[in-house]
């Protein structure tokens, strides 16, 4: 699991519980160019407000966690 790997910057995501961690997935690419880069895709950003609030975790707080650590958001 990415959130439990001490070599990756995602350990803090454990605070959002297993409901979130079960949906969090990723891929590591062995490329020197990407060593210090994390690209995050947030599926569901364009979903209706109703669907965002029916998730089993706090989508807004999780999004804020990533945004506070990002160098660029687009």
N, C-alpha and C. Protein backbone atom coordinates (compact mmCIF):
# COMPACT_ATOMS: atom_id res chain seq x y z
N UNK A 1 0.85 -1.17 0.00
CA UNK A 1 0.00 0.00 0.00
C UNK A 1 0.90 1.24 0.00
N UNK A 2 0.55 2.21 -0.80
CA UNK A 2 1.37 3.41 -0.92
C UNK A 2 1.45 4.20 0.38
N UNK A 3 0.37 4.26 1.11
CA UNK A 3 0.32 5.06 2.32
C UNK A 3 1.16 4.49 3.45
N UNK A 4 1.56 3.25 3.36
CA UNK A 4 2.37 2.66 4.44
C UNK A 4 3.85 2.56 4.07
N UNK A 5 4.21 2.98 2.88
CA UNK A 5 5.60 2.92 2.43
C UNK A 5 6.36 4.14 2.97
N UNK A 6 7.35 3.93 3.84
CA UNK A 6 8.06 5.06 4.43
C UNK A 6 8.89 5.85 3.43
N UNK A 7 9.13 5.30 2.24
CA UNK A 7 9.90 5.99 1.23
C UNK A 7 9.05 6.91 0.36
N UNK A 8 7.75 6.89 0.55
CA UNK A 8 6.84 7.72 -0.24
C UNK A 8 6.16 8.76 0.65
N UNK A 9 5.69 9.85 0.07
CA UNK A 9 5.13 10.95 0.88
C UNK A 9 3.65 10.81 1.23
N UNK A 10 3.13 9.60 1.28
CA UNK A 10 1.69 9.42 1.45
C UNK A 10 1.27 8.87 2.81
N UNK A 11 2.19 8.74 3.74
CA UNK A 11 1.86 8.16 5.05
C UNK A 11 0.76 8.92 5.77
N UNK A 12 0.71 10.22 5.61
CA UNK A 12 -0.29 11.03 6.27
C UNK A 12 -1.71 10.73 5.84
N UNK A 13 -1.87 10.05 4.73
CA UNK A 13 -3.21 9.71 4.25
C UNK A 13 -3.91 8.69 5.13
N UNK A 14 -3.16 8.02 5.98
CA UNK A 14 -3.77 7.04 6.89
C UNK A 14 -4.82 7.68 7.79
N UNK A 15 -4.71 8.98 8.04
CA UNK A 15 -5.68 9.66 8.89
C UNK A 15 -7.09 9.64 8.31
N UNK A 16 -7.22 9.36 7.02
CA UNK A 16 -8.54 9.34 6.39
C UNK A 16 -9.20 7.97 6.43
N UNK A 17 -8.53 7.01 7.04
CA UNK A 17 -9.13 5.71 7.31
C UNK A 17 -9.10 4.72 6.16
N UNK A 18 -9.53 3.51 6.47
CA UNK A 18 -9.51 2.42 5.49
C UNK A 18 -10.44 2.64 4.33
N UNK A 19 -11.54 3.35 4.55
CA UNK A 19 -12.48 3.61 3.45
C UNK A 19 -11.77 4.35 2.32
N UNK A 20 -10.95 5.32 2.68
CA UNK A 20 -10.18 6.03 1.65
C UNK A 20 -9.04 5.17 1.13
N UNK A 21 -8.27 4.57 2.03
CA UNK A 21 -7.09 3.81 1.62
C UNK A 21 -7.44 2.67 0.66
N UNK A 22 -8.64 2.11 0.78
CA UNK A 22 -9.05 1.05 -0.14
C UNK A 22 -9.25 1.57 -1.56
N UNK A 23 -9.47 2.87 -1.72
CA UNK A 23 -9.66 3.43 -3.05
C UNK A 23 -8.39 4.08 -3.59
N UNK A 24 -7.40 4.28 -2.74
CA UNK A 24 -6.16 4.96 -3.13
C UNK A 24 -5.23 3.95 -3.80
N UNK A 25 -4.83 4.25 -5.01
CA UNK A 25 -3.91 3.35 -5.71
C UNK A 25 -2.91 4.18 -6.49
N UNK A 26 -1.85 3.54 -6.90
CA UNK A 26 -0.83 4.26 -7.63
C UNK A 26 0.10 3.34 -8.37
N UNK A 27 1.00 3.95 -9.08
CA UNK A 27 1.98 3.23 -9.89
C UNK A 27 3.31 3.94 -9.74
N UNK A 28 4.35 3.19 -9.48
CA UNK A 28 5.69 3.75 -9.42
C UNK A 28 6.41 3.41 -10.71
N UNK A 29 7.08 4.41 -11.27
CA UNK A 29 7.82 4.25 -12.52
C UNK A 29 9.30 4.45 -12.22
N UNK A 30 10.13 3.48 -12.57
CA UNK A 30 11.56 3.58 -12.28
C UNK A 30 12.27 4.49 -13.30
N UNK A 31 12.08 5.80 -13.17
CA UNK A 31 12.71 6.77 -14.06
C UNK A 31 13.37 7.86 -13.22
N UNK A 32 14.63 8.09 -13.44
CA UNK A 32 15.37 9.09 -12.66
C UNK A 32 14.70 10.46 -12.76
N UNK A 33 14.19 10.80 -13.92
CA UNK A 33 13.54 12.08 -14.14
C UNK A 33 12.35 12.28 -13.20
N UNK A 34 11.67 11.20 -12.82
CA UNK A 34 10.48 11.27 -11.99
C UNK A 34 10.74 11.01 -10.51
N UNK A 35 11.99 10.90 -10.12
CA UNK A 35 12.33 10.53 -8.74
C UNK A 35 11.66 11.43 -7.70
N UNK A 36 11.58 12.71 -7.95
CA UNK A 36 11.01 13.64 -6.98
C UNK A 36 9.70 14.25 -7.45
N UNK A 37 8.98 13.51 -8.29
CA UNK A 37 7.73 14.01 -8.84
C UNK A 37 6.60 13.03 -8.51
N UNK A 38 5.48 13.57 -8.08
CA UNK A 38 4.27 12.76 -7.89
C UNK A 38 3.17 13.41 -8.71
N UNK A 39 2.57 12.64 -9.58
CA UNK A 39 1.43 13.12 -10.37
C UNK A 39 0.19 12.48 -9.78
N UNK A 40 -0.78 13.29 -9.41
CA UNK A 40 -1.99 12.81 -8.76
C UNK A 40 -3.18 13.08 -9.65
N UNK A 41 -3.94 12.04 -9.95
CA UNK A 41 -5.19 12.18 -10.69
C UNK A 41 -6.32 12.01 -9.69
N UNK A 42 -7.28 12.87 -9.75
CA UNK A 42 -8.39 12.81 -8.81
C UNK A 42 -9.69 12.51 -9.55
N UNK A 43 -9.93 11.26 -9.84
CA UNK A 43 -11.18 10.93 -10.52
C UNK A 43 -12.37 11.35 -9.68
N UNK A 44 -13.38 11.85 -10.33
CA UNK A 44 -14.57 12.25 -9.61
C UNK A 44 -14.66 13.73 -9.33
N UNK A 45 -13.64 14.51 -9.69
CA UNK A 45 -13.69 15.94 -9.41
C UNK A 45 -14.89 16.57 -10.11
N UNK A 46 -15.23 16.10 -11.28
CA UNK A 46 -16.32 16.69 -12.03
C UNK A 46 -17.67 16.04 -11.74
N UNK A 47 -17.72 15.13 -10.77
CA UNK A 47 -18.99 14.51 -10.41
C UNK A 47 -19.91 15.55 -9.80
N UNK A 48 -21.17 15.22 -9.75
CA UNK A 48 -22.12 16.15 -9.13
C UNK A 48 -21.83 16.26 -7.64
N UNK A 49 -22.27 17.35 -7.05
CA UNK A 49 -22.04 17.57 -5.61
C UNK A 49 -22.64 16.45 -4.79
N UNK A 50 -23.76 15.92 -5.21
CA UNK A 50 -24.40 14.83 -4.46
C UNK A 50 -23.49 13.61 -4.39
N UNK A 51 -22.86 13.24 -5.50
CA UNK A 51 -21.99 12.07 -5.52
C UNK A 51 -20.75 12.28 -4.67
N UNK A 52 -20.23 13.48 -4.63
CA UNK A 52 -19.05 13.77 -3.81
C UNK A 52 -19.38 13.53 -2.34
N UNK A 53 -20.58 13.88 -1.92
CA UNK A 53 -20.96 13.74 -0.51
C UNK A 53 -21.43 12.33 -0.13
N UNK A 54 -21.53 11.42 -1.09
CA UNK A 54 -21.93 10.05 -0.77
C UNK A 54 -20.72 9.12 -0.67
N UNK A 55 -19.54 9.67 -0.76
CA UNK A 55 -18.33 8.83 -0.62
C UNK A 55 -18.21 8.39 0.83
N UNK A 56 -17.46 7.32 1.04
CA UNK A 56 -17.27 6.79 2.40
C UNK A 56 -16.09 7.45 3.13
N UNK A 57 -15.61 8.54 2.60
CA UNK A 57 -14.54 9.31 3.24
C UNK A 57 -14.77 10.78 2.90
N UNK A 58 -14.10 11.66 3.59
CA UNK A 58 -14.27 13.09 3.38
C UNK A 58 -13.43 13.54 2.19
N UNK A 59 -14.06 13.59 1.04
CA UNK A 59 -13.39 13.92 -0.22
C UNK A 59 -12.74 15.30 -0.16
N UNK A 60 -13.41 16.25 0.44
CA UNK A 60 -12.89 17.61 0.52
C UNK A 60 -11.61 17.64 1.35
N UNK A 61 -11.60 16.97 2.49
CA UNK A 61 -10.40 16.94 3.34
C UNK A 61 -9.25 16.21 2.66
N UNK A 62 -9.54 15.13 1.96
CA UNK A 62 -8.49 14.40 1.24
C UNK A 62 -7.92 15.29 0.14
N UNK A 63 -8.78 15.95 -0.60
CA UNK A 63 -8.32 16.86 -1.66
C UNK A 63 -7.44 17.97 -1.07
N UNK A 64 -7.88 18.52 0.05
CA UNK A 64 -7.10 19.57 0.71
C UNK A 64 -5.72 19.05 1.12
N UNK A 65 -5.65 17.80 1.60
CA UNK A 65 -4.37 17.21 2.00
C UNK A 65 -3.39 17.24 0.83
N UNK A 66 -3.85 16.85 -0.35
CA UNK A 66 -2.99 16.86 -1.53
C UNK A 66 -2.64 18.29 -1.97
N UNK A 67 -3.63 19.16 -1.96
CA UNK A 67 -3.41 20.54 -2.41
C UNK A 67 -2.39 21.25 -1.54
N UNK A 68 -2.44 21.03 -0.23
CA UNK A 68 -1.50 21.69 0.69
C UNK A 68 -0.07 21.23 0.47
N UNK A 69 0.13 20.11 -0.18
CA UNK A 69 1.48 19.58 -0.40
C UNK A 69 1.94 19.73 -1.84
N UNK A 70 1.07 20.26 -2.69
CA UNK A 70 1.37 20.35 -4.12
C UNK A 70 2.17 21.61 -4.45
N UNK A 71 3.02 21.49 -5.44
CA UNK A 71 3.70 22.65 -5.99
C UNK A 71 2.86 23.30 -7.08
N UNK A 72 2.00 22.51 -7.71
CA UNK A 72 1.17 23.00 -8.80
C UNK A 72 -0.13 22.21 -8.84
N UNK A 73 -1.24 22.89 -8.99
CA UNK A 73 -2.55 22.25 -9.14
C UNK A 73 -3.17 22.82 -10.40
N UNK A 74 -3.61 21.91 -11.28
CA UNK A 74 -4.31 22.39 -12.49
C UNK A 74 -5.39 21.44 -12.88
